[in-house]
Amino acid sequence: MMLGMIIDLDHLFANPIYDPNRCSIEAHFMHQWYWWPGYAALTLPKATRWFGIGLCIHIVLDIADCWWMRSFG
């Protein structure tokens, strides 16, 4: 499941690399909505199940973070 954090490597291609006020969803290429069905599909085969679950949890947490920033930030 920890490998689910690997999609954050796309932050290295952003300018600036770190922006505390930027929402990751739709701002980075591995956080685009069209990747999400692929991440969910990785939960189906037993060999990639935990990796897929980690990716899905990562996306859900990023969505929650974006919502939190827009609501209270």
PDB file of N, CA and C in Angstrom:
ATOM      1  N   MET A   1       0.817  -1.197   0.000  1.00  0.00           N
ATOM      2  CA  MET A   1       0.000   0.000   0.000  1.00  0.00           C
ATOM      3  C   MET A   1       0.861   1.261   0.000  1.00  0.00           C
ATOM      4  N   MET A   2       2.023   1.188   0.580  1.00  0.00           N
ATOM      5  CA  MET A   2       2.894   2.366   0.612  1.00  0.00           C
ATOM      6  C   MET A   2       3.308   2.784  -0.795  1.00  0.00           C
ATOM      7  N   LEU A   3       3.318   1.853  -1.746  1.00  0.00           N
ATOM      8  CA  LEU A   3       3.656   2.211  -3.119  1.00  0.00           C
ATOM      9  C   LEU A   3       2.623   3.151  -3.739  1.00  0.00           C
ATOM     10  N   GLY A   4       1.456   3.265  -3.114  1.00  0.00           N
ATOM     11  CA  GLY A   4       0.453   4.208  -3.588  1.00  0.00           C
ATOM     12  C   GLY A   4       0.936   5.643  -3.556  1.00  0.00           C
ATOM     13  N   MET A   5       1.996   5.898  -2.798  1.00  0.00           N
ATOM     14  CA  MET A   5       2.569   7.241  -2.728  1.00  0.00           C
ATOM     15  C   MET A   5       3.429   7.555  -3.951  1.00  0.00           C
ATOM     16  N   ILE A   6       3.711   6.543  -4.766  1.00  0.00           N
ATOM     17  CA  ILE A   6       4.597   6.736  -5.912  1.00  0.00           C
ATOM     18  C   ILE A   6       4.029   7.736  -6.922  1.00  0.00           C
ATOM     19  N   ILE A   7       2.701   7.891  -6.942  1.00  0.00           N
ATOM     20  CA  ILE A   7       2.138   8.835  -7.902  1.00  0.00           C
ATOM     21  C   ILE A   7       2.461  10.279  -7.543  1.00  0.00           C
ATOM     22  N   ASP A   8       2.975  10.501  -6.350  1.00  0.00           N
ATOM     23  CA  ASP A   8       3.389  11.855  -5.984  1.00  0.00           C
ATOM     24  C   ASP A   8       4.699  12.261  -6.649  1.00  0.00           C
ATOM     25  N   LEU A   9       5.343  11.351  -7.345  1.00  0.00           N
ATOM     26  CA  LEU A   9       6.545  11.734  -8.091  1.00  0.00           C
ATOM     27  C   LEU A   9       6.219  12.752  -9.174  1.00  0.00           C
ATOM     28  N   ASP A  10       4.952  12.811  -9.596  1.00  0.00           N
ATOM     29  CA  ASP A  10       4.582  13.799 -10.607  1.00  0.00           C
ATOM     30  C   ASP A  10       4.670  15.229 -10.074  1.00  0.00           C
ATOM     31  N   HIS A  11       4.758  15.389  -8.773  1.00  0.00           N
ATOM     32  CA  HIS A  11       4.927  16.721  -8.200  1.00  0.00           C
ATOM     33  C   HIS A  11       6.290  17.306  -8.584  1.00  0.00           C
ATOM     34  N   LEU A  12       7.244  16.442  -8.897  1.00  0.00           N
ATOM     35  CA  LEU A  12       8.583  16.913  -9.277  1.00  0.00           C
ATOM     36  C   LEU A  12       8.576  17.656 -10.607  1.00  0.00           C
ATOM     37  N   PHE A  13       7.533  17.455 -11.415  1.00  0.00           N
ATOM     38  CA  PHE A  13       7.436  18.118 -12.713  1.00  0.00           C
ATOM     39  C   PHE A  13       6.648  19.426 -12.644  1.00  0.00           C
ATOM     40  N   ALA A  14       6.135  19.759 -11.469  1.00  0.00           N
ATOM     41  CA  ALA A  14       5.355  20.990 -11.303  1.00  0.00           C
ATOM     42  C   ALA A  14       6.293  22.162 -11.039  1.00  0.00           C
ATOM     43  N   ASN A  15       5.803  23.342 -11.330  1.00  0.00           N
ATOM     44  CA  ASN A  15       6.576  24.544 -11.063  1.00  0.00           C
ATOM     45  C   ASN A  15       5.707  25.515 -10.272  1.00  0.00           C
ATOM     46  N   PRO A  16       5.979  25.773  -9.029  1.00  0.00           N
ATOM     47  CA  PRO A  16       7.043  25.238  -8.203  1.00  0.00           C
ATOM     48  C   PRO A  16       6.745  23.792  -7.796  1.00  0.00           C
ATOM     49  N   ILE A  17       7.763  23.077  -7.366  1.00  0.00           N
ATOM     50  CA  ILE A  17       7.582  21.675  -6.978  1.00  0.00           C
ATOM     51  C   ILE A  17       6.586  21.580  -5.838  1.00  0.00           C
ATOM     52  N   TYR A  18       6.689  22.436  -4.857  1.00  0.00           N
ATOM     53  CA  TYR A  18       5.769  22.413  -3.716  1.00  0.00           C
ATOM     54  C   TYR A  18       5.044  23.740  -3.635  1.00  0.00           C
ATOM     55  N   ASP A  19       3.734  23.649  -3.588  1.00  0.00           N
ATOM     56  CA  ASP A  19       2.896  24.825  -3.388  1.00  0.00           C
ATOM     57  C   ASP A  19       1.819  24.431  -2.382  1.00  0.00           C
ATOM     58  N   PRO A  20       1.865  24.966  -1.166  1.00  0.00           N
ATOM     59  CA  PRO A  20       0.917  24.528  -0.133  1.00  0.00           C
ATOM     60  C   PRO A  20      -0.541  24.854  -0.456  1.00  0.00           C
ATOM     61  N   ASN A  21      -0.786  25.756  -1.380  1.00  0.00           N
ATOM     62  CA  ASN A  21      -2.158  26.136  -1.713  1.00  0.00           C
ATOM     63  C   ASN A  21      -2.667  25.494  -3.004  1.00  0.00           C
ATOM     64  N   ARG A  22      -1.894  24.575  -3.582  1.00  0.00           N
ATOM     65  CA  ARG A  22      -2.298  23.938  -4.841  1.00  0.00           C
ATOM     66  C   ARG A  22      -3.004  22.615  -4.546  1.00  0.00           C
ATOM     67  N   CYS A  23      -4.107  22.414  -5.208  1.00  0.00           N
ATOM     68  CA  CYS A  23      -4.834  21.148  -5.135  1.00  0.00           C
ATOM     69  C   CYS A  23      -4.179  20.173  -6.113  1.00  0.00           C
ATOM     70  N   SER A  24      -3.802  18.997  -5.637  1.00  0.00           N
ATOM     71  CA  SER A  24      -3.128  18.010  -6.493  1.00  0.00           C
ATOM     72  C   SER A  24      -4.036  17.474  -7.598  1.00  0.00           C
ATOM     73  N   ILE A  25      -5.322  17.363  -7.310  1.00  0.00           N
ATOM     74  CA  ILE A  25      -6.249  16.797  -8.278  1.00  0.00           C
ATOM     75  C   ILE A  25      -6.311  17.708  -9.496  1.00  0.00           C
ATOM     76  N   GLU A  26      -6.086  17.117 -10.652  1.00  0.00           N
ATOM     77  CA  GLU A  26      -6.092  17.802 -11.947  1.00  0.00           C
ATOM     78  C   GLU A  26      -4.897  18.740 -12.147  1.00  0.00           C
ATOM     79  N   ALA A  27      -4.052  18.936 -11.127  1.00  0.00           N
ATOM     80  CA  ALA A  27      -2.890  19.801 -11.286  1.00  0.00           C
ATOM     81  C   ALA A  27      -1.653  19.011 -11.700  1.00  0.00           C
ATOM     82  N   HIS A  28      -1.635  17.720 -11.422  1.00  0.00           N
ATOM     83  CA  HIS A  28      -0.498  16.864 -11.738  1.00  0.00           C
ATOM     84  C   HIS A  28      -0.965  15.722 -12.630  1.00  0.00           C
ATOM     85  N   PHE A  29      -0.093  15.251 -13.522  1.00  0.00           N
ATOM     86  CA  PHE A  29      -0.554  14.313 -14.547  1.00  0.00           C
ATOM     87  C   PHE A  29      -0.980  12.952 -14.009  1.00  0.00           C
ATOM     88  N   MET A  30      -0.429  12.465 -12.921  1.00  0.00           N
ATOM     89  CA  MET A  30      -0.874  11.177 -12.375  1.00  0.00           C
ATOM     90  C   MET A  30      -2.103  11.326 -11.465  1.00  0.00           C
ATOM     91  N   HIS A  31      -2.550  12.546 -11.266  1.00  0.00           N
ATOM     92  CA  HIS A  31      -3.738  12.816 -10.461  1.00  0.00           C
ATOM     93  C   HIS A  31      -4.936  13.184 -11.338  1.00  0.00           C
ATOM     94  N   GLN A  32      -4.821  12.999 -12.643  1.00  0.00           N
ATOM     95  CA  GLN A  32      -5.919  13.301 -13.567  1.00  0.00           C
ATOM     96  C   GLN A  32      -7.030  12.262 -13.421  1.00  0.00           C
ATOM     97  N   TRP A  33      -8.262  12.669 -13.634  1.00  0.00           N
ATOM     98  CA  TRP A  33      -9.419  11.789 -13.417  1.00  0.00           C
ATOM     99  C   TRP A  33      -9.390  10.551 -14.297  1.00  0.00           C
ATOM    100  N   TYR A  34      -8.822  10.618 -15.493  1.00  0.00           N
ATOM    101  CA  TYR A  34      -8.855   9.468 -16.400  1.00  0.00           C
ATOM    102  C   TYR A  34      -7.944   8.325 -15.950  1.00  0.00           C
ATOM    103  N   TRP A  35      -7.049   8.552 -14.996  1.00  0.00           N
ATOM    104  CA  TRP A  35      -6.234   7.481 -14.433  1.00  0.00           C
ATOM    105  C   TRP A  35      -6.993   6.682 -13.369  1.00  0.00           C
ATOM    106  N   TRP A  36      -7.996   7.277 -12.748  1.00  0.00           N
ATOM    107  CA  TRP A  36      -8.652   6.677 -11.594  1.00  0.00           C
ATOM    108  C   TRP A  36      -9.278   5.315 -11.876  1.00  0.00           C
ATOM    109  N   PRO A  37      -9.934   5.092 -13.021  1.00  0.00           N
ATOM    110  CA  PRO A  37     -10.447   3.736 -13.269  1.00  0.00           C
ATOM    111  C   PRO A  37      -9.327   2.689 -13.338  1.00  0.00           C
ATOM    112  N   GLY A  38      -8.173   3.084 -13.842  1.00  0.00           N
ATOM    113  CA  GLY A  38      -7.027   2.177 -13.865  1.00  0.00           C
ATOM    114  C   GLY A  38      -6.548   1.843 -12.469  1.00  0.00           C
ATOM    115  N   TYR A  39      -6.540   2.833 -11.593  1.00  0.00           N
ATOM    116  CA  TYR A  39      -6.148   2.577 -10.209  1.00  0.00           C
ATOM    117  C   TYR A  39      -7.150   1.627  -9.545  1.00  0.00           C
ATOM    118  N   ALA A  40      -8.434   1.845  -9.824  1.00  0.00           N
ATOM    119  CA  ALA A  40      -9.460   0.958  -9.266  1.00  0.00           C
ATOM    120  C   ALA A  40      -9.326  -0.448  -9.844  1.00  0.00           C
ATOM    121  N   ALA A  41      -8.993  -0.555 -11.130  1.00  0.00           N
ATOM    122  CA  ALA A  41      -8.839  -1.872 -11.760  1.00  0.00           C
ATOM    123  C   ALA A  41      -7.667  -2.646 -11.153  1.00  0.00           C
ATOM    124  N   LEU A  42      -6.668  -1.945 -10.659  1.00  0.00           N
ATOM    125  CA  LEU A  42      -5.536  -2.625 -10.025  1.00  0.00           C
ATOM    126  C   LEU A  42      -5.927  -3.335  -8.733  1.00  0.00           C
ATOM    127  N   THR A  43      -7.097  -3.011  -8.177  1.00  0.00           N
ATOM    128  CA  THR A  43      -7.544  -3.694  -6.962  1.00  0.00           C
ATOM    129  C   THR A  43      -8.107  -5.081  -7.256  1.00  0.00           C
ATOM    130  N   LEU A  44      -8.369  -5.397  -8.514  1.00  0.00           N
ATOM    131  CA  LEU A  44      -9.000  -6.673  -8.857  1.00  0.00           C
ATOM    132  C   LEU A  44      -8.033  -7.860  -8.875  1.00  0.00           C
ATOM    133  N   PRO A  45      -6.896  -7.799  -9.575  1.00  0.00           N
ATOM    134  CA  PRO A  45      -5.974  -8.935  -9.534  1.00  0.00           C
ATOM    135  C   PRO A  45      -5.301  -9.033  -8.156  1.00  0.00           C
ATOM    136  N   LYS A  46      -5.161 -10.249  -7.678  1.00  0.00           N
ATOM    137  CA  LYS A  46      -4.579 -10.447  -6.353  1.00  0.00           C
ATOM    138  C   LYS A  46      -3.149  -9.904  -6.274  1.00  0.00           C
ATOM    139  N   ALA A  47      -2.392  -9.996  -7.369  1.00  0.00           N
ATOM    140  CA  ALA A  47      -0.993  -9.560  -7.364  1.00  0.00           C
ATOM    141  C   ALA A  47      -0.839  -8.051  -7.181  1.00  0.00           C
ATOM    142  N   THR A  48      -1.820  -7.266  -7.602  1.00  0.00           N
ATOM    143  CA  THR A  48      -1.708  -5.800  -7.518  1.00  0.00           C
ATOM    144  C   THR A  48      -2.745  -5.185  -6.582  1.00  0.00           C
ATOM    145  N   ARG A  49      -3.459  -6.007  -5.854  1.00  0.00           N
ATOM    146  CA  ARG A  49      -4.576  -5.518  -5.034  1.00  0.00           C
ATOM    147  C   ARG A  49      -4.152  -4.453  -4.036  1.00  0.00           C
ATOM    148  N   TRP A  50      -3.103  -4.690  -3.257  1.00  0.00           N
ATOM    149  CA  TRP A  50      -2.712  -3.728  -2.229  1.00  0.00           C
ATOM    150  C   TRP A  50      -2.170  -2.446  -2.835  1.00  0.00           C
ATOM    151  N   PHE A  51      -1.481  -2.568  -3.965  1.00  0.00           N
ATOM    152  CA  PHE A  51      -1.005  -1.383  -4.669  1.00  0.00           C
ATOM    153  C   PHE A  51      -2.195  -0.545  -5.143  1.00  0.00           C
ATOM    154  N   GLY A  52      -3.204  -1.196  -5.739  1.00  0.00           N
ATOM    155  CA  GLY A  52      -4.404  -0.498  -6.195  1.00  0.00           C
ATOM    156  C   GLY A  52      -5.159   0.161  -5.058  1.00  0.00           C
ATOM    157  N   ILE A  53      -5.251  -0.538  -3.937  1.00  0.00           N
ATOM    158  CA  ILE A  53      -5.925   0.037  -2.767  1.00  0.00           C
ATOM    159  C   ILE A  53      -5.158   1.264  -2.282  1.00  0.00           C
ATOM    160  N   GLY A  54      -3.837   1.173  -2.271  1.00  0.00           N
ATOM    161  CA  GLY A  54      -3.025   2.326  -1.862  1.00  0.00           C
ATOM    162  C   GLY A  54      -3.221   3.522  -2.776  1.00  0.00           C
ATOM    163  N   LEU A  55      -3.296   3.264  -4.091  1.00  0.00           N
ATOM    164  CA  LEU A  55      -3.529   4.356  -5.046  1.00  0.00           C
ATOM    165  C   LEU A  55      -4.907   4.974  -4.847  1.00  0.00           C
ATOM    166  N   CYS A  56      -5.913   4.135  -4.647  1.00  0.00           N
ATOM    167  CA  CYS A  56      -7.281   4.654  -4.452  1.00  0.00           C
ATOM    168  C   CYS A  56      -7.380   5.470  -3.168  1.00  0.00           C
ATOM    169  N   ILE A  57      -6.765   4.985  -2.102  1.00  0.00           N
ATOM    170  CA  ILE A  57      -6.767   5.743  -0.848  1.00  0.00           C
ATOM    171  C   ILE A  57      -6.052   7.073  -1.039  1.00  0.00           C
ATOM    172  N   HIS A  58      -4.956   7.051  -1.762  1.00  0.00           N
ATOM    173  CA  HIS A  58      -4.196   8.284  -2.035  1.00  0.00           C
ATOM    174  C   HIS A  58      -5.078   9.312  -2.744  1.00  0.00           C
ATOM    175  N   ILE A  59      -5.784   8.884  -3.774  1.00  0.00           N
ATOM    176  CA  ILE A  59      -6.651   9.801  -4.531  1.00  0.00           C
ATOM    177  C   ILE A  59      -7.778  10.327  -3.652  1.00  0.00           C
ATOM    178  N   VAL A  60      -8.400   9.450  -2.867  1.00  0.00           N
ATOM    179  CA  VAL A  60      -9.491   9.885  -1.979  1.00  0.00           C
ATOM    180  C   VAL A  60      -8.982  10.919  -0.976  1.00  0.00           C
ATOM    181  N   LEU A  61      -7.802  10.688  -0.425  1.00  0.00           N
ATOM    182  CA  LEU A  61      -7.247  11.650   0.527  1.00  0.00           C
ATOM    183  C   LEU A  61      -6.888  12.968  -0.142  1.00  0.00           C
ATOM    184  N   ASP A  62      -6.393  12.909  -1.375  1.00  0.00           N
ATOM    185  CA  ASP A  62      -6.106  14.156  -2.101  1.00  0.00           C
ATOM    186  C   ASP A  62      -7.391  14.924  -2.404  1.00  0.00           C
ATOM    187  N   ILE A  63      -8.446  14.221  -2.751  1.00  0.00           N
ATOM    188  CA  ILE A  63      -9.749  14.872  -2.984  1.00  0.00           C
ATOM    189  C   ILE A  63     -10.230  15.528  -1.690  1.00  0.00           C
ATOM    190  N   ALA A  64     -10.115  14.808  -0.575  1.00  0.00           N
ATOM    191  CA  ALA A  64     -10.537  15.361   0.715  1.00  0.00           C
ATOM    192  C   ALA A  64      -9.705  16.595   1.064  1.00  0.00           C
ATOM    193  N   ASP A  65      -8.406  16.552   0.780  1.00  0.00           N
ATOM    194  CA  ASP A  65      -7.541  17.697   1.051  1.00  0.00           C
ATOM    195  C   ASP A  65      -7.958  18.904   0.212  1.00  0.00           C
ATOM    196  N   CYS A  66      -8.256  18.678  -1.060  1.00  0.00           N
ATOM    197  CA  CYS A  66      -8.697  19.782  -1.930  1.00  0.00           C
ATOM    198  C   CYS A  66     -10.012  20.367  -1.429  1.00  0.00           C
ATOM    199  N   TRP A  67     -10.917  19.492  -1.045  1.00  0.00           N
ATOM    200  CA  TRP A  67     -12.200  19.955  -0.516  1.00  0.00           C
ATOM    201  C   TRP A  67     -11.969  20.779   0.749  1.00  0.00           C
ATOM    202  N   TRP A  68     -11.107  20.300   1.622  1.00  0.00           N
ATOM    203  CA  TRP A  68     -10.824  21.002   2.876  1.00  0.00           C
ATOM    204  C   TRP A  68     -10.210  22.377   2.608  1.00  0.00           C
ATOM    205  N   MET A  69      -9.268  22.439   1.667  1.00  0.00           N
ATOM    206  CA  MET A  69      -8.638  23.726   1.346  1.00  0.00           C
ATOM    207  C   MET A  69      -9.645  24.718   0.783  1.00  0.00           C
ATOM    208  N   ARG A  70     -10.538  24.247  -0.064  1.00  0.00           N
ATOM    209  CA  ARG A  70     -11.525  25.154  -0.679  1.00  0.00           C
ATOM    210  C   ARG A  70     -12.606  25.568   0.297  1.00  0.00           C
ATOM    211  N   SER A  71     -12.921  24.695   1.265  1.00  0.00           N
ATOM    212  CA  SER A  71     -13.978  24.996   2.218  1.00  0.00           C
ATOM    213  C   SER A  71     -13.501  25.886   3.351  1.00  0.00           C
ATOM    214  N   PHE A  72     -12.298  25.613   3.841  1.00  0.00           N
ATOM    215  CA  PHE A  72     -11.843  26.284   5.058  1.00  0.00           C
ATOM    216  C   PHE A  72     -10.564  27.084   4.861  1.00  0.00           C
ATOM    217  N   GLY A  73      -9.964  27.005   3.675  1.00  0.00           N
ATOM    218  CA  GLY A  73      -8.684  27.691   3.484  1.00  0.00           C
ATOM    219  C   GLY A  73      -8.870  28.974   2.897  1.00  0.00           C
TER     220      GLY A  73
END
